[in-house]
Amino acid sequence: MSSLLSWRNAAPGDRQALQSFECTTPGKKIKHAGRWEIQHPRRWELQVQSKIRAHVKPPCRRPNHCLVGWDGDNLAAVVFYEELDGPAQIEVHVVAVSMAYRRRGGGWADELLRMTLDDITATAIEQGVDITSIVAWIDEGNRPSQDLFRRTGFRQVGVLEGSTLQRWALTLQIRGVEIDESF
């Protein structure tokens, strides 16, 4: 299958594009109980955009991984994930498609998650890992991400107590695990 975007590991030259990456509309500033707050109908999008702008600082080095998808000179998609126990246990922190590309439709998010799983698989093979457990946290109101992860084989397996975050998980069998049948 051909790619819609040109994918690579994020590099120092991507910092400016990451710091201005837009995956949501601006929030509305309101004064609440004497403090200014930003109100947004999809707060999770604003949180992801803020994480990308403030915390994704390439080059990422293991245990952190950052992939960027470019369409010519336009940064179209970003993913940031972390190895918790080498490549055997992964936590996906950020999956985002820019506003300009989300408006177009066309499978950008599906490609983003497919490329992420391909990158995780390649690292696992390189490190000799047979099984990889992947976890992502998705806001209960974020139906598009829930549908995306479900299409890719993830299942909701829990919730973070006291929050609106759902835990989604996928186990990848990287290579056939040999079973001892001598008994």
N, C-alpha and C. Protein backbone atom coordinates (compact mmCIF):
# COMPACT_ATOMS: atom_id res chain seq x y z
N MET A 1 0.85 -1.18 0.00
CA MET A 1 0.00 0.00 0.00
C MET A 1 0.89 1.24 0.00
N SER A 2 0.61 2.19 -0.88
CA SER A 2 1.42 3.40 -0.93
C SER A 2 1.00 4.37 0.17
N SER A 3 1.93 5.21 0.55
CA SER A 3 1.69 6.16 1.63
C SER A 3 1.13 7.47 1.08
N LEU A 4 0.25 8.07 1.85
CA LEU A 4 -0.27 9.39 1.53
C LEU A 4 0.76 10.46 1.86
N LEU A 5 1.56 10.18 2.90
CA LEU A 5 2.53 11.14 3.41
C LEU A 5 3.93 10.55 3.35
N SER A 6 4.91 11.41 3.48
CA SER A 6 6.31 11.00 3.59
C SER A 6 6.63 10.92 5.09
N TRP A 7 6.94 9.72 5.58
CA TRP A 7 7.13 9.48 7.01
C TRP A 7 8.60 9.34 7.36
N ARG A 8 8.95 9.88 8.52
CA ARG A 8 10.31 9.72 9.03
C ARG A 8 10.33 10.04 10.52
N ASN A 9 11.46 9.70 11.15
CA ASN A 9 11.66 10.10 12.54
C ASN A 9 11.83 11.61 12.58
N ALA A 10 11.26 12.24 13.59
CA ALA A 10 11.38 13.69 13.72
C ALA A 10 12.84 14.08 13.92
N ALA A 11 13.22 15.18 13.31
CA ALA A 11 14.60 15.67 13.37
C ALA A 11 14.59 17.09 13.95
N PRO A 12 15.75 17.59 14.38
CA PRO A 12 15.81 18.95 14.92
C PRO A 12 15.20 20.00 13.98
N GLY A 13 15.31 19.81 12.68
CA GLY A 13 14.74 20.75 11.73
C GLY A 13 13.22 20.80 11.74
N ASP A 14 12.58 19.84 12.44
CA ASP A 14 11.11 19.80 12.52
C ASP A 14 10.56 20.59 13.70
N ARG A 15 11.45 21.09 14.56
CA ARG A 15 10.99 21.74 15.80
C ARG A 15 10.04 22.90 15.56
N GLN A 16 10.37 23.76 14.62
CA GLN A 16 9.53 24.92 14.37
C GLN A 16 8.14 24.48 13.90
N ALA A 17 8.07 23.52 13.01
CA ALA A 17 6.77 23.04 12.53
C ALA A 17 5.98 22.39 13.67
N LEU A 18 6.67 21.66 14.56
CA LEU A 18 5.99 21.04 15.70
C LEU A 18 5.46 22.09 16.67
N GLN A 19 6.22 23.15 16.88
CA GLN A 19 5.80 24.20 17.82
C GLN A 19 4.61 25.00 17.32
N SER A 20 4.33 24.94 16.03
CA SER A 20 3.17 25.66 15.50
C SER A 20 2.11 24.71 14.95
N PHE A 21 2.25 23.41 15.22
CA PHE A 21 1.32 22.40 14.72
C PHE A 21 -0.09 22.67 15.22
N GLU A 22 -1.07 22.59 14.32
CA GLU A 22 -2.48 22.82 14.68
C GLU A 22 -3.31 21.58 14.35
N CYS A 23 -3.85 20.98 15.41
CA CYS A 23 -4.74 19.84 15.21
C CYS A 23 -6.13 20.12 15.77
N THR A 24 -6.38 21.38 16.10
CA THR A 24 -7.70 21.78 16.59
C THR A 24 -7.90 23.27 16.38
N THR A 25 -9.12 23.70 16.60
CA THR A 25 -9.43 25.13 16.52
C THR A 25 -9.01 25.79 17.83
N PRO A 26 -8.80 27.11 17.80
CA PRO A 26 -8.42 27.79 19.05
C PRO A 26 -9.53 27.72 20.09
N GLY A 27 -9.13 27.69 21.34
CA GLY A 27 -10.10 27.73 22.42
C GLY A 27 -10.58 29.14 22.66
N LYS A 28 -11.64 29.25 23.46
CA LYS A 28 -12.19 30.56 23.79
C LYS A 28 -11.80 30.90 25.22
N LYS A 29 -11.19 32.09 25.40
CA LYS A 29 -10.79 32.52 26.74
C LYS A 29 -12.01 33.04 27.49
N ILE A 30 -12.25 32.50 28.69
CA ILE A 30 -13.34 32.97 29.53
C ILE A 30 -12.83 33.18 30.94
N LYS A 31 -13.48 34.06 31.66
CA LYS A 31 -13.11 34.27 33.06
C LYS A 31 -14.07 33.46 33.92
N HIS A 32 -13.49 32.61 34.76
CA HIS A 32 -14.28 31.72 35.61
C HIS A 32 -13.71 31.77 37.02
N ALA A 33 -14.54 32.13 37.97
CA ALA A 33 -14.12 32.22 39.38
C ALA A 33 -12.87 33.09 39.54
N GLY A 34 -12.83 34.20 38.79
CA GLY A 34 -11.72 35.13 38.92
C GLY A 34 -10.46 34.74 38.17
N ARG A 35 -10.48 33.62 37.43
CA ARG A 35 -9.31 33.17 36.66
C ARG A 35 -9.68 33.02 35.20
N TRP A 36 -8.70 33.25 34.36
CA TRP A 36 -8.91 33.03 32.93
C TRP A 36 -8.71 31.55 32.62
N GLU A 37 -9.62 31.00 31.86
CA GLU A 37 -9.54 29.61 31.43
C GLU A 37 -9.82 29.55 29.93
N ILE A 38 -9.34 28.51 29.33
CA ILE A 38 -9.64 28.29 27.92
C ILE A 38 -10.73 27.23 27.83
N GLN A 39 -11.81 27.60 27.18
CA GLN A 39 -12.93 26.69 26.98
C GLN A 39 -12.86 26.14 25.56
N HIS A 40 -13.06 24.85 25.44
CA HIS A 40 -12.96 24.21 24.12
C HIS A 40 -13.94 23.04 24.08
N PRO A 41 -14.66 22.87 22.98
CA PRO A 41 -15.64 21.77 22.91
C PRO A 41 -15.00 20.38 22.88
N ARG A 42 -13.74 20.30 22.45
CA ARG A 42 -13.02 19.02 22.41
C ARG A 42 -11.69 19.22 23.12
N ARG A 43 -11.75 19.29 24.44
CA ARG A 43 -10.58 19.63 25.26
C ARG A 43 -9.40 18.70 25.02
N TRP A 44 -9.66 17.45 24.66
CA TRP A 44 -8.57 16.50 24.42
C TRP A 44 -7.74 16.93 23.21
N GLU A 45 -8.36 17.54 22.20
CA GLU A 45 -7.60 18.01 21.04
C GLU A 45 -6.65 19.12 21.45
N LEU A 46 -7.14 20.02 22.28
CA LEU A 46 -6.30 21.12 22.76
C LEU A 46 -5.14 20.60 23.61
N GLN A 47 -5.40 19.56 24.42
CA GLN A 47 -4.34 18.97 25.24
C GLN A 47 -3.27 18.31 24.36
N VAL A 48 -3.69 17.59 23.32
CA VAL A 48 -2.74 16.94 22.41
C VAL A 48 -1.91 18.00 21.69
N GLN A 49 -2.57 19.04 21.18
CA GLN A 49 -1.85 20.11 20.50
C GLN A 49 -0.82 20.75 21.42
N SER A 50 -1.21 20.98 22.67
CA SER A 50 -0.28 21.58 23.65
C SER A 50 0.90 20.66 23.92
N LYS A 51 0.65 19.35 24.04
CA LYS A 51 1.74 18.39 24.26
C LYS A 51 2.73 18.42 23.10
N ILE A 52 2.21 18.43 21.88
CA ILE A 52 3.09 18.44 20.71
C ILE A 52 3.95 19.70 20.73
N ARG A 53 3.33 20.83 20.95
CA ARG A 53 4.04 22.11 20.90
C ARG A 53 5.07 22.25 22.02
N ALA A 54 4.74 21.76 23.21
CA ALA A 54 5.60 21.99 24.37
C ALA A 54 6.58 20.85 24.67
N HIS A 55 6.22 19.62 24.34
CA HIS A 55 7.01 18.49 24.84
C HIS A 55 7.69 17.63 23.78
N VAL A 56 7.27 17.72 22.54
CA VAL A 56 7.91 16.90 21.50
C VAL A 56 9.07 17.71 20.94
N LYS A 57 10.27 17.31 21.37
CA LYS A 57 11.49 18.04 21.02
C LYS A 57 12.48 17.09 20.35
N PRO A 58 12.43 17.00 19.03
CA PRO A 58 13.37 16.11 18.35
C PRO A 58 14.80 16.62 18.41
N PRO A 59 15.76 15.72 18.28
CA PRO A 59 15.56 14.33 17.95
C PRO A 59 15.13 13.53 19.18
N CYS A 60 14.20 12.62 18.99
CA CYS A 60 13.76 11.75 20.09
C CYS A 60 14.70 10.56 20.14
N ARG A 61 15.10 10.22 21.34
CA ARG A 61 15.98 9.06 21.53
C ARG A 61 15.27 8.05 22.42
N ARG A 62 15.57 6.78 22.14
CA ARG A 62 14.95 5.72 22.94
C ARG A 62 15.12 6.04 24.41
N PRO A 63 14.07 5.90 25.17
CA PRO A 63 12.85 5.14 24.90
C PRO A 63 11.75 5.93 24.19
N ASN A 64 12.00 7.17 23.79
CA ASN A 64 10.98 7.98 23.12
C ASN A 64 11.10 7.88 21.61
N HIS A 65 9.95 7.92 20.94
CA HIS A 65 9.90 7.87 19.48
C HIS A 65 8.93 8.93 18.99
N CYS A 66 9.32 9.64 17.96
CA CYS A 66 8.44 10.64 17.36
C CYS A 66 8.52 10.49 15.84
N LEU A 67 7.37 10.24 15.23
CA LEU A 67 7.29 10.15 13.78
C LEU A 67 6.51 11.34 13.26
N VAL A 68 6.93 11.86 12.13
CA VAL A 68 6.23 12.96 11.50
C VAL A 68 5.89 12.56 10.06
N GLY A 69 4.70 12.96 9.64
CA GLY A 69 4.25 12.72 8.27
C GLY A 69 4.15 14.04 7.53
N TRP A 70 4.92 14.15 6.47
CA TRP A 70 4.98 15.39 5.69
C TRP A 70 4.31 15.20 4.33
N ASP A 71 3.67 16.25 3.87
CA ASP A 71 3.13 16.33 2.53
C ASP A 71 3.80 17.54 1.89
N GLY A 72 4.90 17.30 1.19
CA GLY A 72 5.70 18.41 0.69
C GLY A 72 6.28 19.20 1.85
N ASP A 73 5.94 20.48 1.93
CA ASP A 73 6.43 21.35 3.00
C ASP A 73 5.48 21.43 4.18
N ASN A 74 4.42 20.65 4.19
CA ASN A 74 3.39 20.74 5.23
C ASN A 74 3.47 19.56 6.20
N LEU A 75 3.62 19.87 7.49
CA LEU A 75 3.56 18.83 8.51
C LEU A 75 2.10 18.45 8.68
N ALA A 76 1.77 17.23 8.33
CA ALA A 76 0.38 16.78 8.31
C ALA A 76 0.01 15.91 9.51
N ALA A 77 0.97 15.19 10.09
CA ALA A 77 0.64 14.26 11.17
C ALA A 77 1.84 14.03 12.08
N VAL A 78 1.54 13.74 13.35
CA VAL A 78 2.56 13.53 14.37
C VAL A 78 2.13 12.38 15.27
N VAL A 79 3.08 11.54 15.63
CA VAL A 79 2.85 10.54 16.67
C VAL A 79 4.05 10.55 17.60
N PHE A 80 3.77 10.40 18.89
CA PHE A 80 4.82 10.33 19.91
C PHE A 80 4.49 9.16 20.80
N TYR A 81 5.43 8.22 20.91
CA TYR A 81 5.22 7.08 21.81
C TYR A 81 6.50 6.78 22.57
N GLU A 82 6.32 5.98 23.63
CA GLU A 82 7.43 5.70 24.55
C GLU A 82 7.50 4.21 24.84
N GLU A 83 8.73 3.71 24.89
CA GLU A 83 8.96 2.33 25.33
C GLU A 83 8.99 2.36 26.86
N LEU A 84 8.12 1.58 27.50
CA LEU A 84 8.10 1.52 28.96
C LEU A 84 9.00 0.40 29.48
N ASP A 85 9.07 -0.68 28.71
CA ASP A 85 9.92 -1.82 29.06
C ASP A 85 10.57 -2.29 27.77
N GLY A 86 11.43 -1.44 27.21
CA GLY A 86 11.96 -1.73 25.90
C GLY A 86 10.80 -1.80 24.92
N PRO A 87 11.01 -2.40 23.75
CA PRO A 87 9.93 -2.46 22.77
C PRO A 87 8.84 -3.49 23.12
N ALA A 88 8.96 -4.15 24.26
CA ALA A 88 7.93 -5.12 24.66
C ALA A 88 6.69 -4.44 25.25
N GLN A 89 6.85 -3.21 25.72
CA GLN A 89 5.72 -2.49 26.31
C GLN A 89 5.79 -1.04 25.86
N ILE A 90 4.74 -0.61 25.14
CA ILE A 90 4.71 0.72 24.52
C ILE A 90 3.50 1.49 25.03
N GLU A 91 3.71 2.79 25.26
CA GLU A 91 2.59 3.68 25.55
C GLU A 91 2.58 4.78 24.49
N VAL A 92 1.45 4.88 23.79
CA VAL A 92 1.27 5.91 22.77
C VAL A 92 0.75 7.16 23.48
N HIS A 93 1.49 8.25 23.37
CA HIS A 93 1.11 9.49 24.06
C HIS A 93 0.34 10.45 23.17
N VAL A 94 0.72 10.55 21.89
CA VAL A 94 0.12 11.53 20.99
C VAL A 94 -0.07 10.91 19.61
N VAL A 95 -1.26 11.08 19.07
CA VAL A 95 -1.57 10.73 17.68
C VAL A 95 -2.39 11.90 17.16
N ALA A 96 -1.87 12.62 16.15
CA ALA A 96 -2.58 13.82 15.70
C ALA A 96 -2.40 14.06 14.20
N VAL A 97 -3.48 14.47 13.57
CA VAL A 97 -3.48 14.89 12.17
C VAL A 97 -3.82 16.37 12.17
N SER A 98 -3.09 17.17 11.38
CA SER A 98 -3.32 18.62 11.37
C SER A 98 -4.72 18.95 10.85
N MET A 99 -5.21 20.12 11.25
CA MET A 99 -6.55 20.56 10.86
C MET A 99 -6.71 20.58 9.34
N ALA A 100 -5.72 21.06 8.64
CA ALA A 100 -5.82 21.15 7.18
C ALA A 100 -6.08 19.79 6.54
N TYR A 101 -5.51 18.74 7.10
CA TYR A 101 -5.67 17.40 6.53
C TYR A 101 -6.91 16.70 7.06
N ARG A 102 -7.29 16.98 8.30
CA ARG A 102 -8.51 16.38 8.85
C ARG A 102 -9.72 16.84 8.05
N ARG A 103 -9.72 18.07 7.62
CA ARG A 103 -10.85 18.62 6.85
C ARG A 103 -11.00 17.91 5.50
N ARG A 104 -9.90 17.39 4.97
CA ARG A 104 -9.92 16.75 3.66
C ARG A 104 -10.47 15.32 3.72
N GLY A 105 -10.32 14.67 4.88
CA GLY A 105 -10.66 13.25 4.93
C GLY A 105 -9.64 12.46 4.12
N GLY A 106 -9.85 11.17 3.97
CA GLY A 106 -8.99 10.41 3.08
C GLY A 106 -8.02 9.44 3.72
N GLY A 107 -8.17 9.12 4.99
CA GLY A 107 -7.36 8.06 5.57
C GLY A 107 -6.07 8.49 6.22
N TRP A 108 -5.89 9.77 6.49
CA TRP A 108 -4.66 10.26 7.10
C TRP A 108 -4.41 9.60 8.47
N ALA A 109 -5.44 9.56 9.31
CA ALA A 109 -5.29 9.00 10.65
C ALA A 109 -5.02 7.50 10.59
N ASP A 110 -5.69 6.80 9.68
CA ASP A 110 -5.44 5.36 9.54
C ASP A 110 -3.99 5.11 9.15
N GLU A 111 -3.48 5.91 8.21
CA GLU A 111 -2.08 5.76 7.81
C GLU A 111 -1.16 6.07 8.98
N LEU A 112 -1.47 7.11 9.74
CA LEU A 112 -0.66 7.48 10.90
C LEU A 112 -0.53 6.31 11.88
N LEU A 113 -1.63 5.69 12.22
CA LEU A 113 -1.58 4.59 13.18
C LEU A 113 -0.90 3.36 12.56
N ARG A 114 -1.14 3.12 11.26
CA ARG A 114 -0.48 1.99 10.59
C ARG A 114 1.04 2.19 10.58
N MET A 115 1.49 3.40 10.30
CA MET A 115 2.93 3.68 10.29
C MET A 115 3.52 3.55 11.69
N THR A 116 2.75 3.94 12.69
CA THR A 116 3.20 3.79 14.08
C THR A 116 3.40 2.33 14.42
N LEU A 117 2.43 1.49 14.08
CA LEU A 117 2.55 0.06 14.37
C LEU A 117 3.70 -0.56 13.58
N ASP A 118 3.92 -0.10 12.35
CA ASP A 118 5.06 -0.59 11.56
C ASP A 118 6.38 -0.22 12.23
N ASP A 119 6.46 1.00 12.75
CA ASP A 119 7.68 1.45 13.42
C ASP A 119 7.92 0.66 14.71
N ILE A 120 6.86 0.44 15.47
CA ILE A 120 6.96 -0.36 16.71
C ILE A 120 7.41 -1.78 16.37
N THR A 121 6.83 -2.35 15.32
CA THR A 121 7.18 -3.72 14.90
C THR A 121 8.65 -3.79 14.47
N ALA A 122 9.10 -2.83 13.70
CA ALA A 122 10.50 -2.83 13.24
C ALA A 122 11.47 -2.75 14.42
N THR A 123 11.16 -1.92 15.40
CA THR A 123 12.01 -1.81 16.59
C THR A 123 12.01 -3.12 17.37
N ALA A 124 10.84 -3.74 17.50
CA ALA A 124 10.75 -5.01 18.23
C ALA A 124 11.57 -6.10 17.54
N ILE A 125 11.48 -6.17 16.23
CA ILE A 125 12.25 -7.17 15.47
C ILE A 125 13.75 -6.92 15.67
N GLU A 126 14.15 -5.67 15.55
CA GLU A 126 15.55 -5.29 15.72
C GLU A 126 16.07 -5.68 17.11
N GLN A 127 15.21 -5.59 18.12
CA GLN A 127 15.60 -5.90 19.50
C GLN A 127 15.31 -7.35 19.89
N GLY A 128 14.79 -8.15 18.98
CA GLY A 128 14.54 -9.56 19.26
C GLY A 128 13.32 -9.81 20.14
N VAL A 129 12.36 -8.91 20.12
CA VAL A 129 11.15 -9.04 20.94
C VAL A 129 10.08 -9.76 20.12
N ASP A 130 9.41 -10.75 20.73
CA ASP A 130 8.39 -11.54 20.04
C ASP A 130 6.98 -10.98 20.21
N ILE A 131 6.70 -10.39 21.36
CA ILE A 131 5.36 -9.88 21.65
C ILE A 131 5.48 -8.47 22.22
N THR A 132 4.66 -7.56 21.69
CA THR A 132 4.66 -6.17 22.15
C THR A 132 3.27 -5.80 22.62
N SER A 133 3.18 -5.24 23.80
CA SER A 133 1.91 -4.74 24.34
C SER A 133 1.89 -3.23 24.18
N ILE A 134 0.82 -2.73 23.56
CA ILE A 134 0.71 -1.30 23.28
C ILE A 134 -0.52 -0.76 24.00
N VAL A 135 -0.35 0.38 24.67
CA VAL A 135 -1.44 1.02 25.40
C VAL A 135 -1.57 2.46 24.92
N ALA A 136 -2.80 2.93 24.84
CA ALA A 136 -3.07 4.34 24.54
C ALA A 136 -4.21 4.79 25.43
N TRP A 137 -4.20 6.06 25.81
CA TRP A 137 -5.26 6.65 26.63
C TRP A 137 -6.07 7.58 25.74
N ILE A 138 -7.38 7.34 25.68
CA ILE A 138 -8.26 8.12 24.81
C ILE A 138 -9.40 8.68 25.65
N ASP A 139 -9.69 9.96 25.46
CA ASP A 139 -10.79 10.60 26.18
C ASP A 139 -12.11 9.94 25.78
N GLU A 140 -12.99 9.78 26.76
CA GLU A 140 -14.27 9.13 26.50
C GLU A 140 -15.12 9.87 25.46
N GLY A 141 -14.89 11.15 25.26
CA GLY A 141 -15.63 11.92 24.27
C GLY A 141 -15.02 11.91 22.89
N ASN A 142 -13.85 11.32 22.75
CA ASN A 142 -13.12 11.35 21.49
C ASN A 142 -13.49 10.14 20.63
N ARG A 143 -14.68 10.17 20.07
CA ARG A 143 -15.18 9.06 19.25
C ARG A 143 -14.32 8.78 18.01
N PRO A 144 -13.85 9.80 17.30
CA PRO A 144 -13.02 9.50 16.13
C PRO A 144 -11.77 8.68 16.48
N SER A 145 -11.09 9.01 17.58
CA SER A 145 -9.91 8.23 17.97
C SER A 145 -10.30 6.83 18.42
N GLN A 146 -11.40 6.71 19.14
CA GLN A 146 -11.87 5.38 19.55
C GLN A 146 -12.13 4.52 18.32
N ASP A 147 -12.81 5.09 17.32
CA ASP A 147 -13.09 4.33 16.09
C ASP A 147 -11.80 3.96 15.36
N LEU A 148 -10.85 4.89 15.29
CA LEU A 148 -9.57 4.63 14.64
C LEU A 148 -8.83 3.48 15.32
N PHE A 149 -8.71 3.54 16.62
CA PHE A 149 -7.99 2.49 17.34
C PHE A 149 -8.72 1.15 17.25
N ARG A 150 -10.04 1.18 17.28
CA ARG A 150 -10.83 -0.05 17.14
C ARG A 150 -10.59 -0.68 15.76
N ARG A 151 -10.59 0.14 14.70
CA ARG A 151 -10.34 -0.37 13.34
C ARG A 151 -8.97 -1.04 13.23
N THR A 152 -8.04 -0.60 14.06
CA THR A 152 -6.67 -1.11 14.00
C THR A 152 -6.46 -2.31 14.91
N GLY A 153 -7.50 -2.72 15.64
CA GLY A 153 -7.40 -3.91 16.47
C GLY A 153 -7.30 -3.65 17.96
N PHE A 154 -7.22 -2.40 18.37
CA PHE A 154 -7.18 -2.06 19.79
C PHE A 154 -8.56 -2.31 20.40
N ARG A 155 -8.57 -2.57 21.70
CA ARG A 155 -9.81 -2.73 22.45
C ARG A 155 -9.73 -1.90 23.72
N GLN A 156 -10.88 -1.34 24.11
CA GLN A 156 -10.92 -0.63 25.38
C GLN A 156 -10.85 -1.66 26.50
N VAL A 157 -9.91 -1.47 27.42
CA VAL A 157 -9.70 -2.46 28.48
C VAL A 157 -9.85 -1.87 29.88
N GLY A 158 -10.14 -0.59 29.98
CA GLY A 158 -10.30 0.01 31.31
C GLY A 158 -10.45 1.51 31.22
N VAL A 159 -10.54 2.11 32.39
CA VAL A 159 -10.62 3.57 32.51
C VAL A 159 -9.68 4.02 33.62
N LEU A 160 -9.22 5.25 33.51
CA LEU A 160 -8.39 5.83 34.55
C LEU A 160 -9.34 6.43 35.58
N GLU A 161 -9.31 5.87 36.78
CA GLU A 161 -10.24 6.28 37.82
C GLU A 161 -10.16 7.78 38.08
N GLY A 162 -11.33 8.40 38.16
CA GLY A 162 -11.40 9.83 38.44
C GLY A 162 -11.12 10.72 37.24
N SER A 163 -11.10 10.16 36.04
CA SER A 163 -10.84 10.95 34.84
C SER A 163 -11.79 10.52 33.72
N THR A 164 -11.64 11.15 32.58
CA THR A 164 -12.44 10.78 31.41
C THR A 164 -11.62 9.93 30.43
N LEU A 165 -10.45 9.44 30.89
CA LEU A 165 -9.57 8.68 30.00
C LEU A 165 -9.89 7.19 30.02
N GLN A 166 -9.96 6.63 28.83
CA GLN A 166 -10.14 5.19 28.65
C GLN A 166 -8.80 4.59 28.25
N ARG A 167 -8.54 3.38 28.75
CA ARG A 167 -7.30 2.67 28.40
C ARG A 167 -7.63 1.72 27.25
N TRP A 168 -6.88 1.87 26.15
CA TRP A 168 -7.03 1.02 24.98
C TRP A 168 -5.75 0.23 24.81
N ALA A 169 -5.87 -1.04 24.41
CA ALA A 169 -4.69 -1.90 24.34
C ALA A 169 -4.72 -2.79 23.10
N LEU A 170 -3.52 -3.15 22.68
CA LEU A 170 -3.31 -4.08 21.56
C LEU A 170 -2.06 -4.87 21.86
N THR A 171 -2.12 -6.17 21.63
CA THR A 171 -0.94 -7.02 21.75
C THR A 171 -0.55 -7.46 20.35
N LEU A 172 0.68 -7.15 19.96
CA LEU A 172 1.20 -7.54 18.65
C LEU A 172 2.09 -8.75 18.80
N GLN A 173 1.81 -9.78 18.04
CA GLN A 173 2.72 -10.92 17.98
C GLN A 173 3.67 -10.62 16.83
N ILE A 174 4.91 -10.33 17.18
CA ILE A 174 5.89 -9.90 16.20
C ILE A 174 6.39 -11.08 15.37
N ARG A 175 6.70 -12.16 16.04
CA ARG A 175 7.15 -13.38 15.36
C ARG A 175 6.45 -14.55 16.04
N GLY A 176 6.45 -15.66 15.37
CA GLY A 176 5.88 -16.85 15.98
C GLY A 176 6.65 -17.24 17.22
N VAL A 177 5.95 -17.41 18.31
CA VAL A 177 6.59 -17.85 19.55
C VAL A 177 6.57 -19.37 19.53
N GLU A 178 7.74 -19.96 19.66
CA GLU A 178 7.81 -21.42 19.63
C GLU A 178 7.22 -22.00 20.91
N ILE A 179 6.40 -23.02 20.73
CA ILE A 179 5.77 -23.69 21.87
C ILE A 179 6.40 -25.06 22.03
N ASP A 180 6.79 -25.37 23.24
CA ASP A 180 7.38 -26.68 23.54
C ASP A 180 6.29 -27.72 23.56
N GLU A 181 6.29 -28.61 22.54
CA GLU A 181 5.26 -29.64 22.45
C GLU A 181 5.81 -31.02 22.85
N SER A 182 6.93 -31.04 23.56
CA SER A 182 7.57 -32.31 23.90
C SER A 182 6.93 -33.00 25.10
N PHE A 183 6.00 -32.35 25.76
CA PHE A 183 5.43 -32.96 26.97
C PHE A 183 4.32 -33.85 26.65
